[in-house]
Amino acid sequence: MNLNALRVFTVVAEHGNLQRAADRLNLSRGAVSQRIKQLEVDLGTVLLERGARGVALTEDGERCRAAMVEALSLIETALSGIGDKDGTITIHLGSSTATKWLMPRMDRFRAEFPDVALTTEIHETRLRRSLGPNELAIWPGSAPDGNPAHLSCVLTEIRLVAVCAPSLARPAGTLDTAALLALPFLQDANRHWDRLVEESGAKKQAKPLNVDRSALALDAAINGHGVAIAPAYMVEADIARGRLSEIWSDPEPPRQQLYLSWSREDLGHRTAGKVVDWIRAGFGHPCE
């Protein structure tokens, strides 16, 4: 079996489009198509249904995709433990958590771990594979990490708050929902404002400025463009610096928690264990 062709197929299945897969792989569209056709010949089955708008997986194609995702995850996890990585820690997390929680604390991290090389890997969804040695993951969820290869703990409940620049014109004090919705607001891909409007039955007074990430909405709020709704842990640093003011807190109970996961292989590992403790201390929430 041609492993390169299997890798090409996995990228095509991920993008659902031959040209986008070709661009990512730095190959021509024809070369990608040729590798897929040869793979189909080798397997004796059709993997992709080709259409004007892209490609779709057949039933056998979906089985092949699932098998390749699992196999590549196993390989990536295994390779993460190769070599001397005692001085390297990788943290997998979302882009806004990295920007708004981790980056403001990097001076403290460097002071406490001067000999540790920190790598961050950004993910839009929870990491599907198992973590290898010296790998940690910070992720939101509504249930604990069920991976038996992992240890994990709750860092904090994801409590939503509304924030704006101190200079933004608004009524004094903490606002109710109706007063909040009268202000210009900034909405990210989580669509917190839409949920608030739907659940409250109130009407939006202004059209939102839409961005795709919480960190971008918060930066726009800092620059006085409106009000952003975000998890409280993301705004602590900016509130402490006087760049943002909290003007509303979601009265509904938190729907998710922020979790920290790490590999069981790191049990007793000095560097990884200390970084886990450092992250836990940053949230003021010990592992249970």
Protein backbone atom coordinates (compact mmCIF):
# COMPACT_ATOMS: atom_id res chain seq x y z
CA MET A 1 0.00 0.00 0.00
CA ASN A 2 1.32 3.43 -0.99
CA LEU A 3 1.47 5.38 2.26
CA ASN A 4 1.93 8.68 0.43
CA ALA A 5 -1.32 8.09 -1.47
CA LEU A 6 -3.09 7.37 1.82
CA ARG A 7 -1.80 10.65 3.25
CA VAL A 8 -2.99 12.51 0.13
CA PHE A 9 -6.42 10.89 0.49
CA THR A 10 -6.63 11.97 4.14
CA VAL A 11 -5.99 15.62 3.19
CA VAL A 12 -8.57 15.45 0.38
CA ALA A 13 -11.12 13.95 2.79
CA GLU A 14 -10.42 16.73 5.29
CA HIS A 15 -10.93 19.54 2.77
CA GLY A 16 -13.59 17.93 0.55
CA ASN A 17 -11.93 19.55 -2.43
CA LEU A 18 -9.10 18.38 -4.70
CA GLN A 19 -7.71 21.86 -5.39
CA ARG A 20 -7.58 22.92 -1.73
CA ALA A 21 -5.87 19.64 -0.88
CA ALA A 22 -3.40 20.17 -3.72
CA ASP A 23 -2.60 23.68 -2.45
CA ARG A 24 -1.95 22.38 1.06
CA LEU A 25 0.24 19.52 -0.21
CA ASN A 26 2.06 21.76 -2.70
CA LEU A 27 1.09 19.42 -5.55
CA SER A 28 -0.84 19.92 -8.75
CA ARG A 29 -4.52 19.03 -8.80
CA GLY A 30 -3.77 16.39 -11.40
CA ALA A 31 -1.13 14.75 -9.21
CA VAL A 32 -3.58 14.58 -6.30
CA SER A 33 -6.29 13.11 -8.51
CA GLN A 34 -3.85 10.54 -9.91
CA ARG A 35 -2.81 9.37 -6.43
CA ILE A 36 -6.44 8.99 -5.37
CA LYS A 37 -7.29 6.99 -8.48
CA GLN A 38 -4.30 4.70 -7.94
CA LEU A 39 -5.33 4.20 -4.30
CA GLU A 40 -8.83 3.26 -5.42
CA VAL A 41 -7.34 0.73 -7.84
CA ASP A 42 -5.13 -0.71 -5.10
CA LEU A 43 -8.07 -1.03 -2.70
CA GLY A 44 -10.51 -2.20 -5.36
CA THR A 45 -13.20 0.31 -4.38
CA VAL A 46 -14.36 3.87 -5.00
CA LEU A 47 -13.43 6.24 -2.17
CA LEU A 48 -14.65 9.58 -3.52
CA GLU A 49 -17.68 10.72 -5.44
CA ARG A 50 -16.62 13.65 -7.59
CA GLY A 51 -18.97 16.57 -8.23
CA ALA A 52 -18.89 20.12 -9.55
CA ARG A 53 -18.53 21.60 -6.05
CA GLY A 54 -16.00 19.15 -4.68
CA VAL A 55 -15.79 15.55 -3.58
CA ALA A 56 -17.80 13.47 -1.13
CA LEU A 57 -16.75 10.30 0.65
CA THR A 58 -18.38 7.01 -0.22
CA GLU A 59 -19.12 4.54 2.58
CA ASP A 60 -15.76 2.85 1.95
CA GLY A 61 -14.13 6.26 1.74
CA GLU A 62 -15.43 7.17 5.19
CA ARG A 63 -14.08 3.88 6.60
CA CYS A 64 -10.71 4.62 5.04
CA ARG A 65 -10.71 8.20 6.38
CA ALA A 66 -11.54 7.06 9.92
CA ALA A 67 -8.81 4.43 9.82
CA MET A 68 -6.23 6.93 8.56
CA VAL A 69 -7.13 9.56 11.19
CA GLU A 70 -6.71 6.95 13.92
CA ALA A 71 -3.44 5.64 12.45
CA LEU A 72 -1.92 9.10 11.98
CA SER A 73 -2.94 10.07 15.51
CA LEU A 74 -1.19 6.99 16.90
CA ILE A 75 1.94 7.80 14.91
CA GLU A 76 1.92 11.46 15.99
CA THR A 77 1.46 10.49 19.65
CA ALA A 78 4.29 7.94 19.44
CA LEU A 79 6.68 10.36 17.73
CA SER A 80 6.01 13.01 20.37
CA GLY A 81 7.92 10.85 22.85
CA ILE A 82 11.02 10.33 20.73
CA GLY A 83 14.21 12.14 21.60
CA ASP A 84 15.30 14.11 24.62
CA LYS A 85 12.37 16.43 25.32
CA ASP A 86 12.91 17.02 29.01
CA GLY A 87 13.32 20.73 28.32
CA THR A 88 10.38 21.06 25.90
CA ILE A 89 6.69 21.39 26.76
CA THR A 90 3.89 21.58 24.18
CA ILE A 91 0.53 23.08 25.13
CA HIS A 92 -2.45 22.47 22.83
CA LEU A 93 -5.15 25.12 23.25
CA GLY A 94 -7.54 27.46 21.47
CA SER A 95 -6.29 30.66 19.88
CA SER A 96 -8.20 33.04 22.19
CA THR A 97 -7.12 31.15 25.33
CA ALA A 98 -3.54 31.39 24.10
CA THR A 99 -3.84 35.11 23.30
CA LYS A 100 -5.83 36.26 26.31
CA TRP A 101 -4.76 33.90 29.10
CA LEU A 102 -1.36 32.40 28.31
CA MET A 103 0.46 35.24 26.54
CA PRO A 104 -0.10 37.84 29.31
CA ARG A 105 1.56 35.36 31.71
CA MET A 106 4.59 34.49 29.61
CA ASP A 107 6.95 36.68 31.64
CA ARG A 108 5.98 34.71 34.72
CA PHE A 109 6.39 31.43 32.87
CA ARG A 110 9.90 32.34 31.67
CA ALA A 111 10.89 33.46 35.16
CA GLU A 112 9.74 30.16 36.68
CA PHE A 113 10.94 27.90 33.84
CA PRO A 114 14.02 29.54 32.31
CA ASP A 115 15.27 26.24 30.86
CA VAL A 116 11.96 25.12 29.32
CA ALA A 117 11.25 25.64 25.62
CA LEU A 118 7.49 26.19 25.37
CA THR A 119 5.61 25.37 22.17
CA THR A 120 1.95 26.23 21.64
CA GLU A 121 -0.22 24.45 19.09
CA ILE A 122 -3.52 26.11 18.24
CA HIS A 123 -6.65 24.02 17.63
CA GLU A 124 -10.18 25.06 16.67
CA THR A 125 -11.60 21.82 18.12
CA ARG A 126 -10.50 19.50 20.90
CA LEU A 127 -7.40 17.44 20.07
CA ARG A 128 -8.58 14.00 18.99
CA ARG A 129 -5.42 11.98 19.53
CA SER A 130 -3.85 10.95 22.82
CA LEU A 131 -1.27 13.26 24.35
CA GLY A 132 2.34 12.13 24.40
CA PRO A 133 5.00 12.86 27.02
CA ASN A 134 5.48 16.57 27.77
CA GLU A 135 2.21 17.48 26.04
CA LEU A 136 -0.65 19.30 27.77
CA ALA A 137 -4.05 20.39 26.48
CA ILE A 138 -6.37 23.14 27.70
CA TRP A 139 -9.87 22.74 26.30
CA PRO A 140 -13.52 23.70 27.01
CA GLY A 141 -16.09 20.99 27.52
CA SER A 142 -19.20 19.86 29.34
CA ALA A 143 -17.80 16.50 30.50
CA PRO A 144 -14.42 15.32 31.84
CA ASP A 145 -11.72 13.86 29.62
CA GLY A 146 -12.63 10.21 29.07
CA ASN A 147 -9.33 9.21 27.44
CA PRO A 148 -7.78 6.48 29.65
CA ALA A 149 -4.31 7.60 28.54
CA HIS A 150 -4.85 11.02 30.15
CA LEU A 151 -4.99 12.64 33.54
CA SER A 152 -7.14 15.76 33.74
CA CYS A 153 -8.69 18.35 36.02
CA VAL A 154 -11.14 21.24 35.90
CA LEU A 155 -9.38 24.59 35.78
CA THR A 156 -12.44 26.81 36.06
CA GLU A 157 -16.08 27.10 35.14
CA ILE A 158 -16.61 29.10 31.97
CA ARG A 159 -18.55 32.07 33.35
CA LEU A 160 -19.58 34.57 30.68
CA VAL A 161 -19.24 38.31 31.24
CA ALA A 162 -19.74 41.41 29.10
CA VAL A 163 -16.86 43.88 28.95
CA CYS A 164 -16.07 47.17 27.26
CA ALA A 165 -13.50 49.94 27.34
CA PRO A 166 -13.86 52.12 30.45
CA SER A 167 -14.36 55.11 28.14
CA LEU A 168 -17.37 53.63 26.31
CA ALA A 169 -20.52 55.69 26.92
CA ARG A 170 -22.97 53.60 28.95
CA PRO A 171 -25.19 53.70 32.04
CA ALA A 172 -23.28 53.52 35.31
CA GLY A 173 -22.90 50.29 37.25
CA THR A 174 -23.73 46.70 36.35
CA LEU A 175 -26.34 46.53 33.59
CA ASP A 176 -29.37 44.32 33.13
CA THR A 177 -29.92 42.49 29.85
CA ALA A 178 -32.17 45.16 28.32
CA ALA A 179 -29.67 47.95 29.03
CA LEU A 180 -26.84 45.78 27.74
CA LEU A 181 -28.57 45.12 24.43
CA ALA A 182 -28.95 48.86 23.85
CA LEU A 183 -25.17 49.19 23.50
CA PRO A 184 -23.10 48.49 20.35
CA PHE A 185 -21.88 44.95 20.58
CA LEU A 186 -19.16 42.74 19.20
CA GLN A 187 -19.96 39.14 18.35
CA ASP A 188 -17.56 36.26 17.77
CA ALA A 189 -18.14 32.78 16.36
CA ASN A 190 -19.60 31.58 19.67
CA ARG A 191 -22.70 33.73 19.01
CA HIS A 192 -23.23 34.60 22.68
CA TRP A 193 -25.21 37.73 21.77
CA ASP A 194 -27.64 35.78 19.59
CA ARG A 195 -28.26 33.33 22.44
CA LEU A 196 -28.80 36.19 24.88
CA VAL A 197 -31.33 37.87 22.60
CA GLU A 198 -33.17 34.59 21.97
CA GLU A 199 -33.37 33.61 25.65
CA SER A 200 -34.29 37.07 26.93
CA GLY A 201 -36.87 37.86 24.27
CA ALA A 202 -35.40 41.35 24.02
CA LYS A 203 -34.54 43.11 20.79
CA LYS A 204 -31.11 44.16 19.60
CA GLN A 205 -30.87 47.92 19.29
CA ALA A 206 -27.87 47.95 16.94
CA LYS A 207 -26.28 45.72 14.35
CA PRO A 208 -23.25 43.82 15.64
CA LEU A 209 -19.69 43.89 14.46
CA ASN A 210 -18.99 40.22 13.72
CA VAL A 211 -15.54 38.66 14.09
CA ASP A 212 -14.49 35.02 14.17
CA ARG A 213 -12.54 34.83 17.46
CA SER A 214 -13.13 35.91 21.04
CA ALA A 215 -9.68 37.52 21.19
CA LEU A 216 -10.53 39.76 18.22
CA ALA A 217 -13.82 40.81 19.81
CA LEU A 218 -11.99 41.66 23.03
CA ASP A 219 -9.34 43.67 21.20
CA ALA A 220 -12.14 45.59 19.44
CA ALA A 221 -13.73 46.24 22.83
CA ILE A 222 -10.43 47.54 24.20
CA ASN A 223 -10.32 49.99 21.29
CA GLY A 224 -13.77 51.32 22.17
CA HIS A 225 -15.79 49.71 19.36
CA GLY A 226 -18.44 48.13 21.57
CA VAL A 227 -19.20 45.42 24.13
CA ALA A 228 -17.89 41.85 23.95
CA ILE A 229 -19.11 38.75 25.75
CA ALA A 230 -16.36 36.31 26.68
CA PRO A 231 -15.32 33.83 29.39
CA ALA A 232 -14.26 35.63 32.56
CA TYR A 233 -10.83 33.96 32.60
CA MET A 234 -9.98 35.57 29.25
CA VAL A 235 -10.54 39.13 30.47
CA GLU A 236 -8.86 39.04 33.89
CA ALA A 237 -5.55 40.46 32.65
CA ASP A 238 -7.15 43.31 30.67
CA ILE A 239 -9.46 44.24 33.55
CA ALA A 240 -6.48 44.28 35.94
CA ARG A 241 -4.64 46.63 33.57
CA GLY A 242 -7.62 48.97 33.29
CA ARG A 243 -8.15 48.22 29.60
CA LEU A 244 -11.61 46.67 30.10
CA SER A 245 -14.49 47.01 32.56
CA GLU A 246 -16.95 44.24 33.40
CA ILE A 247 -20.51 45.57 33.03
CA TRP A 248 -22.62 42.38 33.01
CA SER A 249 -22.41 38.78 34.18
CA ASP A 250 -24.48 35.95 32.71
CA PRO A 251 -27.14 35.06 35.31
CA GLU A 252 -27.40 31.53 33.90
CA PRO A 253 -25.22 28.78 35.43
CA PRO A 254 -22.06 28.04 33.42
CA ARG A 255 -22.64 25.45 30.70
CA GLN A 256 -19.05 24.38 30.27
CA GLN A 257 -15.81 24.04 32.18
CA LEU A 258 -12.22 24.61 31.13
CA TYR A 259 -10.16 21.45 31.48
CA LEU A 260 -6.46 20.65 31.59
CA SER A 261 -5.30 17.24 30.34
CA TRP A 262 -1.88 15.61 30.26
CA SER A 263 -0.44 12.17 29.55
CA ARG A 264 -0.29 9.48 32.22
CA GLU A 265 3.24 8.90 30.94
CA ASP A 266 4.15 12.18 32.64
CA LEU A 267 3.40 10.78 36.10
CA GLY A 268 6.42 11.66 38.19
CA HIS A 269 7.96 13.67 35.34
CA ARG A 270 9.48 16.71 36.97
CA THR A 271 9.13 19.34 34.22
CA ALA A 272 5.65 18.42 32.98
CA GLY A 273 4.34 18.09 36.54
CA LYS A 274 5.63 21.53 37.48
CA VAL A 275 4.04 23.13 34.41
CA VAL A 276 0.74 21.43 35.26
CA ASP A 277 0.99 22.88 38.78
CA TRP A 278 1.83 26.33 37.35
CA ILE A 279 -1.25 26.33 35.10
CA ARG A 280 -3.48 25.13 37.95
CA ALA A 281 -2.16 27.87 40.21
CA GLY A 282 -2.86 30.45 37.48
CA PHE A 283 -6.54 29.55 37.66
CA GLY A 284 -6.60 29.15 41.43
CA HIS A 285 -8.34 25.82 40.99
CA PRO A 286 -6.56 22.61 42.14
CA CYS A 287 -7.04 19.27 40.46
CA GLU A 288 -9.67 17.05 41.99
